[in-house]
Amino acid sequence: MKVVSLVLRVMPEQIPTARSGLEQVPGVQVHAEDFDAGRMIVTVEDGEGYSVADSIIAAHRVPQVLSATLAYEFNGEIVEELDPARVPPQPATGVQPCH
């Protein structure tokens, strides 16, 4: 399961129309609207037959949406054991370990 939240910028007077368009996008749910600032908070969840990426693109293409900023991303994949092969190498910090 993948879920992201987005902050959308919309002209304040166009928020109701944007809401209608966003509600047509699979996996999108509107959680908050700030009419004074022209912002909307939405979540996008993946589902059968569509991906989060597809829905983000579709939400950004709603004509009233001026911009979309990714605020949070969750991937429901849980790694039971720490597999060294899956851990990316860490950059050198110049800090020496204490002995």
C-alpha atoms as a PDB file:
ATOM      1  CA  MET A   1       0.000   0.000   0.000  1.00  0.00           C
ATOM      2  CA  LYS A   2       1.261   3.439  -0.923  1.00  0.00           C
ATOM      3  CA  VAL A   3      -0.195   6.707   0.318  1.00  0.00           C
ATOM      4  CA  VAL A   4       0.961  10.275  -0.263  1.00  0.00           C
ATOM      5  CA  SER A   5      -0.340  13.621   0.831  1.00  0.00           C
ATOM      6  CA  LEU A   6      -0.223  16.688  -1.373  1.00  0.00           C
ATOM      7  CA  VAL A   7      -0.608  20.394  -0.785  1.00  0.00           C
ATOM      8  CA  LEU A   8      -2.357  21.865  -3.813  1.00  0.00           C
ATOM      9  CA  ARG A   9      -2.428  25.547  -4.742  1.00  0.00           C
ATOM     10  CA  VAL A  10      -5.716  26.696  -6.236  1.00  0.00           C
ATOM     11  CA  MET A  11      -7.262  30.121  -6.795  1.00  0.00           C
ATOM     12  CA  PRO A  12      -9.539  30.525  -3.745  1.00  0.00           C
ATOM     13  CA  GLU A  13     -12.683  31.061  -5.811  1.00  0.00           C
ATOM     14  CA  GLN A  14     -11.953  27.868  -7.772  1.00  0.00           C
ATOM     15  CA  ILE A  15     -11.632  25.521  -4.778  1.00  0.00           C
ATOM     16  CA  PRO A  16     -15.199  24.114  -5.062  1.00  0.00           C
ATOM     17  CA  THR A  17     -14.674  23.328  -8.761  1.00  0.00           C
ATOM     18  CA  ALA A  18     -11.239  21.846  -8.044  1.00  0.00           C
ATOM     19  CA  ARG A  19     -12.766  19.657  -5.327  1.00  0.00           C
ATOM     20  CA  SER A  20     -15.270  18.257  -7.831  1.00  0.00           C
ATOM     21  CA  GLY A  21     -12.497  17.466 -10.308  1.00  0.00           C
ATOM     22  CA  LEU A  22     -10.213  15.934  -7.689  1.00  0.00           C
ATOM     23  CA  GLU A  23     -12.967  13.676  -6.380  1.00  0.00           C
ATOM     24  CA  GLN A  24     -13.104  12.073  -9.855  1.00  0.00           C
ATOM     25  CA  VAL A  25      -9.466  10.955  -9.648  1.00  0.00           C
ATOM     26  CA  PRO A  26      -9.061   7.363  -8.383  1.00  0.00           C
ATOM     27  CA  GLY A  27      -7.594   7.206  -4.886  1.00  0.00           C
ATOM     28  CA  VAL A  28      -7.810  10.952  -4.177  1.00  0.00           C
ATOM     29  CA  GLN A  29      -9.533  12.224  -1.045  1.00  0.00           C
ATOM     30  CA  VAL A  30      -9.788  15.911  -0.109  1.00  0.00           C
ATOM     31  CA  HIS A  31      -9.099  16.495   3.603  1.00  0.00           C
ATOM     32  CA  ALA A  32      -8.836  20.267   4.007  1.00  0.00           C
ATOM     33  CA  GLU A  33      -9.478  23.496   2.144  1.00  0.00           C
ATOM     34  CA  ASP A  34      -8.059  26.896   3.028  1.00  0.00           C
ATOM     35  CA  PHE A  35     -10.078  29.442   1.072  1.00  0.00           C
ATOM     36  CA  ASP A  36      -7.997  32.388   2.351  1.00  0.00           C
ATOM     37  CA  ALA A  37      -4.663  30.924   1.227  1.00  0.00           C
ATOM     38  CA  GLY A  38      -5.925  28.970  -1.796  1.00  0.00           C
ATOM     39  CA  ARG A  39      -4.648  25.638  -0.547  1.00  0.00           C
ATOM     40  CA  MET A  40      -6.075  22.156  -0.441  1.00  0.00           C
ATOM     41  CA  ILE A  41      -4.736  19.089   1.353  1.00  0.00           C
ATOM     42  CA  VAL A  42      -5.397  15.752  -0.322  1.00  0.00           C
ATOM     43  CA  THR A  43      -4.256  12.178   0.098  1.00  0.00           C
ATOM     44  CA  VAL A  44      -3.679   9.794  -2.770  1.00  0.00           C
ATOM     45  CA  GLU A  45      -3.821   6.046  -2.196  1.00  0.00           C
ATOM     46  CA  ASP A  46      -3.012   3.330  -4.709  1.00  0.00           C
ATOM     47  CA  GLY A  47      -5.597   0.754  -5.675  1.00  0.00           C
ATOM     48  CA  GLU A  48      -6.526  -1.948  -8.131  1.00  0.00           C
ATOM     49  CA  GLY A  49      -5.789  -0.796 -11.666  1.00  0.00           C
ATOM     50  CA  TYR A  50      -4.034   2.505 -10.873  1.00  0.00           C
ATOM     51  CA  SER A  51      -0.906   3.704  -9.139  1.00  0.00           C
ATOM     52  CA  VAL A  52      -0.243   6.615  -6.831  1.00  0.00           C
ATOM     53  CA  ALA A  53       1.906   8.185  -9.555  1.00  0.00           C
ATOM     54  CA  ASP A  54      -0.968   8.014 -12.068  1.00  0.00           C
ATOM     55  CA  SER A  55      -3.337   9.665  -9.603  1.00  0.00           C
ATOM     56  CA  ILE A  56      -0.845  12.392  -8.657  1.00  0.00           C
ATOM     57  CA  ILE A  57      -0.447  13.284 -12.326  1.00  0.00           C
ATOM     58  CA  ALA A  58      -4.223  13.253 -12.838  1.00  0.00           C
ATOM     59  CA  ALA A  59      -4.763  15.466  -9.760  1.00  0.00           C
ATOM     60  CA  HIS A  60      -2.158  17.937 -11.010  1.00  0.00           C
ATOM     61  CA  ARG A  61      -3.920  18.034 -14.388  1.00  0.00           C
ATOM     62  CA  VAL A  62      -7.218  19.181 -12.863  1.00  0.00           C
ATOM     63  CA  PRO A  63      -7.500  22.591 -14.594  1.00  0.00           C
ATOM     64  CA  GLN A  64      -7.957  24.605 -11.386  1.00  0.00           C
ATOM     65  CA  VAL A  65      -4.831  23.143  -9.719  1.00  0.00           C
ATOM     66  CA  LEU A  66      -1.925  25.561 -10.084  1.00  0.00           C
ATOM     67  CA  SER A  67       0.712  23.454  -8.310  1.00  0.00           C
ATOM     68  CA  ALA A  68       1.116  20.313  -6.248  1.00  0.00           C
ATOM     69  CA  THR A  69       3.700  19.736  -3.539  1.00  0.00           C
ATOM     70  CA  LEU A  70       4.408  16.312  -2.088  1.00  0.00           C
ATOM     71  CA  ALA A  71       4.153  16.637   1.688  1.00  0.00           C
ATOM     72  CA  TYR A  72       4.294  13.009   2.844  1.00  0.00           C
ATOM     73  CA  GLU A  73       4.868   9.563   1.382  1.00  0.00           C
ATOM     74  CA  PHE A  74       4.203   6.161   2.956  1.00  0.00           C
ATOM     75  CA  ASN A  75       5.059   2.791   1.485  1.00  0.00           C
ATOM     76  CA  GLY A  76       3.351   0.001   3.405  1.00  0.00           C
ATOM     77  CA  GLU A  77       6.112  -2.442   2.613  1.00  0.00           C
ATOM     78  CA  ILE A  78       7.497  -3.656   5.918  1.00  0.00           C
ATOM     79  CA  VAL A  79      10.922  -5.233   6.049  1.00  0.00           C
ATOM     80  CA  GLU A  80      10.866  -7.922   8.752  1.00  0.00           C
ATOM     81  CA  GLU A  81      14.633  -8.342   9.032  1.00  0.00           C
ATOM     82  CA  LEU A  82      17.385  -5.926   8.203  1.00  0.00           C
ATOM     83  CA  ASP A  83      18.932  -7.306   5.025  1.00  0.00           C
ATOM     84  CA  PRO A  84      22.405  -5.774   4.491  1.00  0.00           C
ATOM     85  CA  ALA A  85      21.965  -6.144   0.741  1.00  0.00           C
ATOM     86  CA  ARG A  86      18.973  -3.755   0.871  1.00  0.00           C
ATOM     87  CA  VAL A  87      20.671  -1.082   2.992  1.00  0.00           C
ATOM     88  CA  PRO A  88      22.230   1.606   0.786  1.00  0.00           C
ATOM     89  CA  PRO A  89      25.819   2.555   1.590  1.00  0.00           C
ATOM     90  CA  GLN A  90      26.117   5.590   3.814  1.00  0.00           C
ATOM     91  CA  PRO A  91      28.286   8.534   2.756  1.00  0.00           C
ATOM     92  CA  ALA A  92      31.505   9.106   4.663  1.00  0.00           C
ATOM     93  CA  THR A  93      31.093  11.719   7.376  1.00  0.00           C
ATOM     94  CA  GLY A  94      34.701  12.091   8.474  1.00  0.00           C
ATOM     95  CA  VAL A  95      33.713  11.102  12.012  1.00  0.00           C
ATOM     96  CA  GLN A  96      35.917   8.410  13.453  1.00  0.00           C
ATOM     97  CA  PRO A  97      34.379   5.702  15.661  1.00  0.00           C
ATOM     98  CA  CYS A  98      35.338   5.714  19.354  1.00  0.00           C
ATOM     99  CA  HIS A  99      37.473   2.790  20.550  1.00  0.00           C
END
